[in-house]
């Protein structure tokens, strides 16, 4: 899908792009502040958040973070030194190591998530139907299944 020059200069499109940029900037700012309250970098906090969903191998973390696996290894090393993450063998392939949150790491990830009020408070003002519509539109913009 290519964008026509007219679509790029359409005032409504320009405004929507600007609003999305503002949302992203505010989210990152709040995320960095929440991470700093836990003496974490933004990258450390994002990885801890990813791992709170499920243990992951380094390569999958790197893909999700859009960085090199060697960068992830260093971040995992620092999180492990703080007792927030541990490495364990993958039950499906014992040659592969998974990074997983410790009990303290899971607690810290939960605390980080709970402190992100920026998105939660404005979303609370939307009805369930509006949130479902927004979710569907965002998924569609990202090329994901809207279901």
C-alpha atoms as a PDB file:
ATOM      1  CA  UNK A   1       0.000   0.000   0.000  1.00  0.00           C
ATOM      2  CA  UNK A   2       1.619   3.235  -1.157  1.00  0.00           C
ATOM      3  CA  UNK A   3       0.704   6.668   0.073  1.00  0.00           C
ATOM      4  CA  UNK A   4      -0.182   9.302  -2.459  1.00  0.00           C
ATOM      5  CA  UNK A   5       1.287  12.800  -2.142  1.00  0.00           C
ATOM      6  CA  UNK A   6      -2.231  14.115  -1.519  1.00  0.00           C
ATOM      7  CA  UNK A   7      -2.708  11.729   1.414  1.00  0.00           C
ATOM      8  CA  UNK A   8       0.588  12.888   2.958  1.00  0.00           C
ATOM      9  CA  UNK A   9      -0.529  16.527   2.859  1.00  0.00           C
ATOM     10  CA  UNK A  10      -4.193  15.989   3.709  1.00  0.00           C
ATOM     11  CA  UNK A  11      -4.743  18.103   6.872  1.00  0.00           C
ATOM     12  CA  UNK A  12      -6.637  15.320   8.637  1.00  0.00           C
ATOM     13  CA  UNK A  13      -3.855  12.793   7.942  1.00  0.00           C
ATOM     14  CA  UNK A  14      -1.206  15.265   9.095  1.00  0.00           C
ATOM     15  CA  UNK A  15      -3.151  15.917  12.318  1.00  0.00           C
ATOM     16  CA  UNK A  16      -3.626  12.175  12.999  1.00  0.00           C
ATOM     17  CA  UNK A  17       0.084  11.511  12.420  1.00  0.00           C
ATOM     18  CA  UNK A  18       0.969  14.363  14.785  1.00  0.00           C
ATOM     19  CA  UNK A  19      -1.436  13.037  17.435  1.00  0.00           C
ATOM     20  CA  UNK A  20       0.028   9.527  17.162  1.00  0.00           C
ATOM     21  CA  UNK A  21       3.493  11.039  17.561  1.00  0.00           C
ATOM     22  CA  UNK A  22       2.354  12.907  20.679  1.00  0.00           C
ATOM     23  CA  UNK A  23       0.875   9.733  22.175  1.00  0.00           C
ATOM     24  CA  UNK A  24       4.091   7.802  21.498  1.00  0.00           C
ATOM     25  CA  UNK A  25       6.282  10.568  22.940  1.00  0.00           C
ATOM     26  CA  UNK A  26       4.192  10.826  26.119  1.00  0.00           C
ATOM     27  CA  UNK A  27       4.174   7.050  26.545  1.00  0.00           C
ATOM     28  CA  UNK A  28       7.972   6.842  26.183  1.00  0.00           C
ATOM     29  CA  UNK A  29       8.496   9.745  28.565  1.00  0.00           C
ATOM     30  CA  UNK A  30       6.311   8.164  31.241  1.00  0.00           C
ATOM     31  CA  UNK A  31       7.887   4.740  30.654  1.00  0.00           C
ATOM     32  CA  UNK A  32      11.403   6.180  31.079  1.00  0.00           C
ATOM     33  CA  UNK A  33      10.329   7.945  34.290  1.00  0.00           C
ATOM     34  CA  UNK A  34       8.769   4.752  35.664  1.00  0.00           C
ATOM     35  CA  UNK A  35      11.920   2.794  34.760  1.00  0.00           C
ATOM     36  CA  UNK A  36      14.132   5.383  36.475  1.00  0.00           C
ATOM     37  CA  UNK A  37      12.084   5.071  39.693  1.00  0.00           C
ATOM     38  CA  UNK A  38      13.182   1.418  39.712  1.00  0.00           C
ATOM     39  CA  UNK A  39      16.788   2.337  38.794  1.00  0.00           C
ATOM     40  CA  UNK A  40      16.315   0.721  35.373  1.00  0.00           C
ATOM     41  CA  UNK A  41      16.993   1.980  31.883  1.00  0.00           C
ATOM     42  CA  UNK A  42      14.082   2.084  29.468  1.00  0.00           C
ATOM     43  CA  UNK A  43      15.502  -0.937  27.609  1.00  0.00           C
ATOM     44  CA  UNK A  44      15.859  -2.921  30.833  1.00  0.00           C
ATOM     45  CA  UNK A  45      12.273  -2.093  31.777  1.00  0.00           C
ATOM     46  CA  UNK A  46      10.950  -3.059  28.333  1.00  0.00           C
ATOM     47  CA  UNK A  47      12.746  -6.403  28.431  1.00  0.00           C
ATOM     48  CA  UNK A  48      11.520  -7.083  31.955  1.00  0.00           C
ATOM     49  CA  UNK A  49       8.006  -6.284  30.778  1.00  0.00           C
ATOM     50  CA  UNK A  50       8.365  -8.678  27.813  1.00  0.00           C
ATOM     51  CA  UNK A  51       9.615 -11.436  30.085  1.00  0.00           C
ATOM     52  CA  UNK A  52       6.727 -10.954  32.508  1.00  0.00           C
ATOM     53  CA  UNK A  53       4.453 -12.353  29.783  1.00  0.00           C
ATOM     54  CA  UNK A  54       6.599 -15.432  29.119  1.00  0.00           C
ATOM     55  CA  UNK A  55      10.234 -16.544  29.315  1.00  0.00           C
ATOM     56  CA  UNK A  56      11.980 -15.901  25.991  1.00  0.00           C
ATOM     57  CA  UNK A  57      15.218 -16.823  24.226  1.00  0.00           C
ATOM     58  CA  UNK A  58      17.636 -13.967  23.528  1.00  0.00           C
ATOM     59  CA  UNK A  59      16.963 -13.967  19.777  1.00  0.00           C
ATOM     60  CA  UNK A  60      13.225 -13.439  20.263  1.00  0.00           C
ATOM     61  CA  UNK A  61      13.894 -10.643  22.735  1.00  0.00           C
ATOM     62  CA  UNK A  62      16.268  -9.035  20.221  1.00  0.00           C
ATOM     63  CA  UNK A  63      13.629  -9.257  17.463  1.00  0.00           C
ATOM     64  CA  UNK A  64      10.981  -7.714  19.725  1.00  0.00           C
ATOM     65  CA  UNK A  65      13.380  -4.943  20.758  1.00  0.00           C
ATOM     66  CA  UNK A  66      14.675  -4.489  17.197  1.00  0.00           C
ATOM     67  CA  UNK A  67      18.309  -4.779  18.258  1.00  0.00           C
ATOM     68  CA  UNK A  68      21.223  -7.188  18.106  1.00  0.00           C
ATOM     69  CA  UNK A  69      21.232 -10.292  20.351  1.00  0.00           C
ATOM     70  CA  UNK A  70      24.583  -9.177  21.789  1.00  0.00           C
ATOM     71  CA  UNK A  71      22.884  -6.007  23.117  1.00  0.00           C
ATOM     72  CA  UNK A  72      20.195  -8.131  24.747  1.00  0.00           C
ATOM     73  CA  UNK A  73      22.828 -10.345  26.363  1.00  0.00           C
ATOM     74  CA  UNK A  74      24.360  -7.312  28.097  1.00  0.00           C
ATOM     75  CA  UNK A  75      20.979  -6.084  29.306  1.00  0.00           C
ATOM     76  CA  UNK A  76      20.047  -9.560  30.580  1.00  0.00           C
ATOM     77  CA  UNK A  77      23.434  -9.768  32.353  1.00  0.00           C
ATOM     78  CA  UNK A  78      22.686  -6.512  34.204  1.00  0.00           C
ATOM     79  CA  UNK A  79      19.134  -7.583  35.095  1.00  0.00           C
ATOM     80  CA  UNK A  80      20.465 -10.945  36.286  1.00  0.00           C
ATOM     81  CA  UNK A  81      23.091  -9.235  38.464  1.00  0.00           C
ATOM     82  CA  UNK A  82      20.256  -7.304  40.151  1.00  0.00           C
ATOM     83  CA  UNK A  83      18.291 -10.500  40.770  1.00  0.00           C
ATOM     84  CA  UNK A  84      15.455  -9.525  38.424  1.00  0.00           C
ATOM     85  CA  UNK A  85      16.057 -12.127  35.694  1.00  0.00           C
ATOM     86  CA  UNK A  86      17.430 -15.641  35.527  1.00  0.00           C
ATOM     87  CA  UNK A  87      18.547 -17.839  32.669  1.00  0.00           C
ATOM     88  CA  UNK A  88      17.098 -21.326  32.451  1.00  0.00           C
ATOM     89  CA  UNK A  89      17.150 -24.129  29.890  1.00  0.00           C
ATOM     90  CA  UNK A  90      14.302 -24.221  27.378  1.00  0.00           C
ATOM     91  CA  UNK A  91      12.287 -27.383  28.127  1.00  0.00           C
ATOM     92  CA  UNK A  92      11.685 -27.809  24.382  1.00  0.00           C
ATOM     93  CA  UNK A  93      15.417 -27.549  23.506  1.00  0.00           C
ATOM     94  CA  UNK A  94      17.873 -27.724  26.384  1.00  0.00           C
ATOM     95  CA  UNK A  95      20.593 -26.165  24.205  1.00  0.00           C
ATOM     96  CA  UNK A  96      18.628 -22.900  24.236  1.00  0.00           C
ATOM     97  CA  UNK A  97      18.593 -20.636  27.291  1.00  0.00           C
ATOM     98  CA  UNK A  98      15.484 -18.701  28.182  1.00  0.00           C
ATOM     99  CA  UNK A  99      15.500 -15.448  30.107  1.00  0.00           C
ATOM    100  CA  UNK A 100      12.775 -15.399  32.740  1.00  0.00           C
ATOM    101  CA  UNK A 101      11.856 -12.960  35.497  1.00  0.00           C
ATOM    102  CA  UNK A 102      12.584 -13.925  39.070  1.00  0.00           C
ATOM    103  CA  UNK A 103       9.857 -13.378  41.645  1.00  0.00           C
ATOM    104  CA  UNK A 104      11.363  -9.918  42.294  1.00  0.00           C
ATOM    105  CA  UNK A 105      11.556  -9.266  38.541  1.00  0.00           C
ATOM    106  CA  UNK A 106       7.880 -10.143  38.084  1.00  0.00           C
ATOM    107  CA  UNK A 107       6.976  -7.847  40.997  1.00  0.00           C
ATOM    108  CA  UNK A 108       9.030  -5.025  39.468  1.00  0.00           C
ATOM    109  CA  UNK A 109       7.421  -5.549  36.029  1.00  0.00           C
ATOM    110  CA  UNK A 110       3.964  -5.395  37.635  1.00  0.00           C
ATOM    111  CA  UNK A 111       4.907  -2.224  39.504  1.00  0.00           C
ATOM    112  CA  UNK A 112       6.165  -0.649  36.266  1.00  0.00           C
ATOM    113  CA  UNK A 113       2.968  -1.548  34.425  1.00  0.00           C
ATOM    114  CA  UNK A 114       0.788  -0.281  37.280  1.00  0.00           C
ATOM    115  CA  UNK A 115       2.594   3.072  37.340  1.00  0.00           C
ATOM    116  CA  UNK A 116       1.826   3.861  33.685  1.00  0.00           C
ATOM    117  CA  UNK A 117      -1.274   5.980  34.164  1.00  0.00           C
ATOM    118  CA  UNK A 118      -0.847   8.073  31.022  1.00  0.00           C
ATOM    119  CA  UNK A 119      -2.559   5.611  28.687  1.00  0.00           C
ATOM    120  CA  UNK A 120      -4.846   4.000  31.241  1.00  0.00           C
ATOM    121  CA  UNK A 121      -6.519   7.206  32.437  1.00  0.00           C
ATOM    122  CA  UNK A 122      -7.501   8.568  28.990  1.00  0.00           C
ATOM    123  CA  UNK A 123      -8.602   5.092  27.863  1.00  0.00           C
ATOM    124  CA  UNK A 124     -10.856   4.820  30.916  1.00  0.00           C
ATOM    125  CA  UNK A 125     -12.851   7.741  29.476  1.00  0.00           C
ATOM    126  CA  UNK A 126     -13.677   5.674  26.395  1.00  0.00           C
ATOM    127  CA  UNK A 127     -16.496   3.170  26.320  1.00  0.00           C
ATOM    128  CA  UNK A 128     -15.679  -0.508  25.825  1.00  0.00           C
ATOM    129  CA  UNK A 129     -16.952  -0.214  22.245  1.00  0.00           C
ATOM    130  CA  UNK A 130     -14.659   2.773  21.583  1.00  0.00           C
ATOM    131  CA  UNK A 131     -11.660   0.884  23.043  1.00  0.00           C
ATOM    132  CA  UNK A 132     -12.473  -2.134  20.857  1.00  0.00           C
ATOM    133  CA  UNK A 133     -12.715   0.126  17.811  1.00  0.00           C
ATOM    134  CA  UNK A 134      -9.420   1.823  18.665  1.00  0.00           C
ATOM    135  CA  UNK A 135      -7.718  -1.541  19.177  1.00  0.00           C
ATOM    136  CA  UNK A 136      -9.013  -2.769  15.828  1.00  0.00           C
ATOM    137  CA  UNK A 137      -7.866   0.362  14.028  1.00  0.00           C
ATOM    138  CA  UNK A 138      -4.390   0.210  15.614  1.00  0.00           C
ATOM    139  CA  UNK A 139      -4.040  -3.474  14.711  1.00  0.00           C
ATOM    140  CA  UNK A 140      -5.151  -2.720  11.168  1.00  0.00           C
ATOM    141  CA  UNK A 141      -2.595   0.107  10.899  1.00  0.00           C
ATOM    142  CA  UNK A 142       0.088  -2.341  12.034  1.00  0.00           C
ATOM    143  CA  UNK A 143      -1.035  -4.988   9.550  1.00  0.00           C
ATOM    144  CA  UNK A 144      -2.148  -7.343  12.292  1.00  0.00           C
ATOM    145  CA  UNK A 145      -5.318  -9.384  12.471  1.00  0.00           C
ATOM    146  CA  UNK A 146      -8.064  -7.095  13.756  1.00  0.00           C
ATOM    147  CA  UNK A 147      -9.982  -9.967  15.439  1.00  0.00           C
END
